[in-house]
Amino acid sequence: MSTLLSGLIAPSQSAPGRARTGLTRVLAASLEVPHLVLAYLAERRRIARTVTQLQSLSDRMLADIGLERCDIARVARYGRDGDVRSFLGAMR
């Protein structure tokens, strides 16, 4: 009887060790997801705030910094480095 019980206990002792490793991976992944969601939301908020601030400028002020109204959303998302005109202007 003791050999039967020891055979039943031994596999169950090794299984929780593997389950803990899998559980650790799941927990680590589940903790990373909220962090990614918060980072995404913070980035969206930054973009929306930048668009609002640039939209509040007059056309003349936008021209002074080298932007047009149609460029505002792209510049808010990707920055001036993504601007082809800035790249061509730097080559001159």
C-alpha atoms as a PDB file:
ATOM      1  CA  MET A   1       0.000   0.000   0.000  1.00  0.00           C
ATOM      2  CA  SER A   2       2.823   2.369   0.790  1.00  0.00           C
ATOM      3  CA  THR A   3       4.373   1.763  -2.649  1.00  0.00           C
ATOM      4  CA  LEU A   4       1.059   2.575  -4.260  1.00  0.00           C
ATOM      5  CA  LEU A   5       0.797   5.798  -2.282  1.00  0.00           C
ATOM      6  CA  SER A   6       4.415   6.720  -2.930  1.00  0.00           C
ATOM      7  CA  GLY A   7       3.820   6.198  -6.652  1.00  0.00           C
ATOM      8  CA  LEU A   8       0.822   8.489  -6.482  1.00  0.00           C
ATOM      9  CA  ILE A   9       2.591  11.121  -4.417  1.00  0.00           C
ATOM     10  CA  ALA A  10       5.824  11.277  -6.425  1.00  0.00           C
ATOM     11  CA  PRO A  11       4.234  12.345  -9.758  1.00  0.00           C
ATOM     12  CA  SER A  12       2.107  14.931  -8.022  1.00  0.00           C
ATOM     13  CA  GLN A  13       5.185  16.402  -6.325  1.00  0.00           C
ATOM     14  CA  SER A  14       6.966  16.860  -9.634  1.00  0.00           C
ATOM     15  CA  ALA A  15       3.862  18.231 -11.397  1.00  0.00           C
ATOM     16  CA  PRO A  16       3.446  21.283  -9.144  1.00  0.00           C
ATOM     17  CA  GLY A  17       7.091  22.208  -9.817  1.00  0.00           C
ATOM     18  CA  ARG A  18       6.352  22.329 -13.532  1.00  0.00           C
ATOM     19  CA  ALA A  19       3.040  24.030 -12.890  1.00  0.00           C
ATOM     20  CA  ARG A  20       4.771  26.714 -10.840  1.00  0.00           C
ATOM     21  CA  THR A  21       7.180  27.392 -13.673  1.00  0.00           C
ATOM     22  CA  GLY A  22       4.274  27.698 -16.090  1.00  0.00           C
ATOM     23  CA  LEU A  23       2.358  29.761 -13.558  1.00  0.00           C
ATOM     24  CA  THR A  24       5.355  32.053 -13.147  1.00  0.00           C
ATOM     25  CA  ARG A  25       5.440  32.599 -16.907  1.00  0.00           C
ATOM     26  CA  VAL A  26       1.723  33.319 -17.011  1.00  0.00           C
ATOM     27  CA  LEU A  27       1.966  35.736 -14.092  1.00  0.00           C
ATOM     28  CA  ALA A  28       4.929  37.535 -15.635  1.00  0.00           C
ATOM     29  CA  ALA A  29       3.078  37.874 -18.928  1.00  0.00           C
ATOM     30  CA  SER A  30      -0.096  39.048 -17.199  1.00  0.00           C
ATOM     31  CA  LEU A  31       1.856  41.710 -15.317  1.00  0.00           C
ATOM     32  CA  GLU A  32       3.434  42.922 -18.568  1.00  0.00           C
ATOM     33  CA  VAL A  33       0.114  43.389 -20.367  1.00  0.00           C
ATOM     34  CA  PRO A  34      -1.233  46.156 -18.079  1.00  0.00           C
ATOM     35  CA  HIS A  35       2.106  47.924 -18.373  1.00  0.00           C
ATOM     36  CA  LEU A  36       1.859  47.846 -22.166  1.00  0.00           C
ATOM     37  CA  VAL A  37      -1.736  49.050 -22.067  1.00  0.00           C
ATOM     38  CA  LEU A  38      -0.821  51.948 -19.786  1.00  0.00           C
ATOM     39  CA  ALA A  39       2.134  52.874 -21.995  1.00  0.00           C
ATOM     40  CA  TYR A  40      -0.129  52.803 -25.063  1.00  0.00           C
ATOM     41  CA  LEU A  41      -2.725  55.006 -23.368  1.00  0.00           C
ATOM     42  CA  ALA A  42      -0.068  57.460 -22.194  1.00  0.00           C
ATOM     43  CA  GLU A  43       1.304  57.720 -25.738  1.00  0.00           C
ATOM     44  CA  ARG A  44      -2.188  58.317 -27.163  1.00  0.00           C
ATOM     45  CA  ARG A  45      -2.758  61.042 -24.565  1.00  0.00           C
ATOM     46  CA  ARG A  46       0.553  62.700 -25.440  1.00  0.00           C
ATOM     47  CA  ILE A  47      -0.351  62.682 -29.140  1.00  0.00           C
ATOM     48  CA  ALA A  48      -3.823  64.126 -28.479  1.00  0.00           C
ATOM     49  CA  ARG A  49      -2.360  66.877 -26.286  1.00  0.00           C
ATOM     50  CA  THR A  50       0.240  67.747 -28.933  1.00  0.00           C
ATOM     51  CA  VAL A  51      -2.403  67.885 -31.686  1.00  0.00           C
ATOM     52  CA  THR A  52      -4.591  70.142 -29.521  1.00  0.00           C
ATOM     53  CA  GLN A  53      -1.707  72.514 -28.797  1.00  0.00           C
ATOM     54  CA  LEU A  54      -0.619  72.713 -32.430  1.00  0.00           C
ATOM     55  CA  GLN A  55      -4.205  73.191 -33.639  1.00  0.00           C
ATOM     56  CA  SER A  56      -4.520  76.187 -31.334  1.00  0.00           C
ATOM     57  CA  LEU A  57      -1.668  77.984 -33.139  1.00  0.00           C
ATOM     58  CA  SER A  58      -2.384  80.387 -35.962  1.00  0.00           C
ATOM     59  CA  ASP A  59      -1.392  79.591 -39.542  1.00  0.00           C
ATOM     60  CA  ARG A  60       1.345  82.194 -39.315  1.00  0.00           C
ATOM     61  CA  MET A  61       2.858  80.633 -36.198  1.00  0.00           C
ATOM     62  CA  LEU A  62       2.711  77.194 -37.794  1.00  0.00           C
ATOM     63  CA  ALA A  63       4.470  78.581 -40.883  1.00  0.00           C
ATOM     64  CA  ASP A  64       7.151  80.082 -38.630  1.00  0.00           C
ATOM     65  CA  ILE A  65       7.975  76.636 -37.264  1.00  0.00           C
ATOM     66  CA  GLY A  66       7.747  75.086 -40.710  1.00  0.00           C
ATOM     67  CA  LEU A  67       4.406  73.301 -40.457  1.00  0.00           C
ATOM     68  CA  GLU A  68       1.092  73.389 -42.242  1.00  0.00           C
ATOM     69  CA  ARG A  69      -2.242  72.358 -40.725  1.00  0.00           C
ATOM     70  CA  CYS A  70      -2.252  69.118 -42.686  1.00  0.00           C
ATOM     71  CA  ASP A  71       1.093  68.158 -41.068  1.00  0.00           C
ATOM     72  CA  ILE A  72      -0.076  68.409 -37.452  1.00  0.00           C
ATOM     73  CA  ALA A  73      -1.303  64.827 -36.918  1.00  0.00           C
ATOM     74  CA  ARG A  74       1.760  63.287 -38.576  1.00  0.00           C
ATOM     75  CA  VAL A  75       4.203  65.476 -36.661  1.00  0.00           C
ATOM     76  CA  ALA A  76       2.410  64.721 -33.377  1.00  0.00           C
ATOM     77  CA  ARG A  77       2.718  60.982 -33.993  1.00  0.00           C
ATOM     78  CA  TYR A  78       6.148  60.685 -35.593  1.00  0.00           C
ATOM     79  CA  GLY A  79       7.936  63.942 -34.810  1.00  0.00           C
ATOM     80  CA  ARG A  80       9.773  66.256 -37.136  1.00  0.00           C
ATOM     81  CA  ASP A  81      12.347  63.568 -37.952  1.00  0.00           C
ATOM     82  CA  GLY A  82       9.703  61.806 -40.017  1.00  0.00           C
ATOM     83  CA  ASP A  83       9.209  64.940 -42.087  1.00  0.00           C
ATOM     84  CA  VAL A  84      10.537  64.548 -45.627  1.00  0.00           C
ATOM     85  CA  ARG A  85      10.931  68.305 -46.026  1.00  0.00           C
ATOM     86  CA  SER A  86      13.149  68.458 -42.949  1.00  0.00           C
ATOM     87  CA  PHE A  87      15.242  65.631 -44.382  1.00  0.00           C
ATOM     88  CA  LEU A  88      15.615  67.360 -47.745  1.00  0.00           C
ATOM     89  CA  GLY A  89      16.348  70.666 -46.052  1.00  0.00           C
ATOM     90  CA  ALA A  90      19.128  69.054 -44.020  1.00  0.00           C
ATOM     91  CA  MET A  91      20.727  67.733 -47.208  1.00  0.00           C
ATOM     92  CA  ARG A  92      21.148  71.221 -48.728  1.00  0.00           C
END
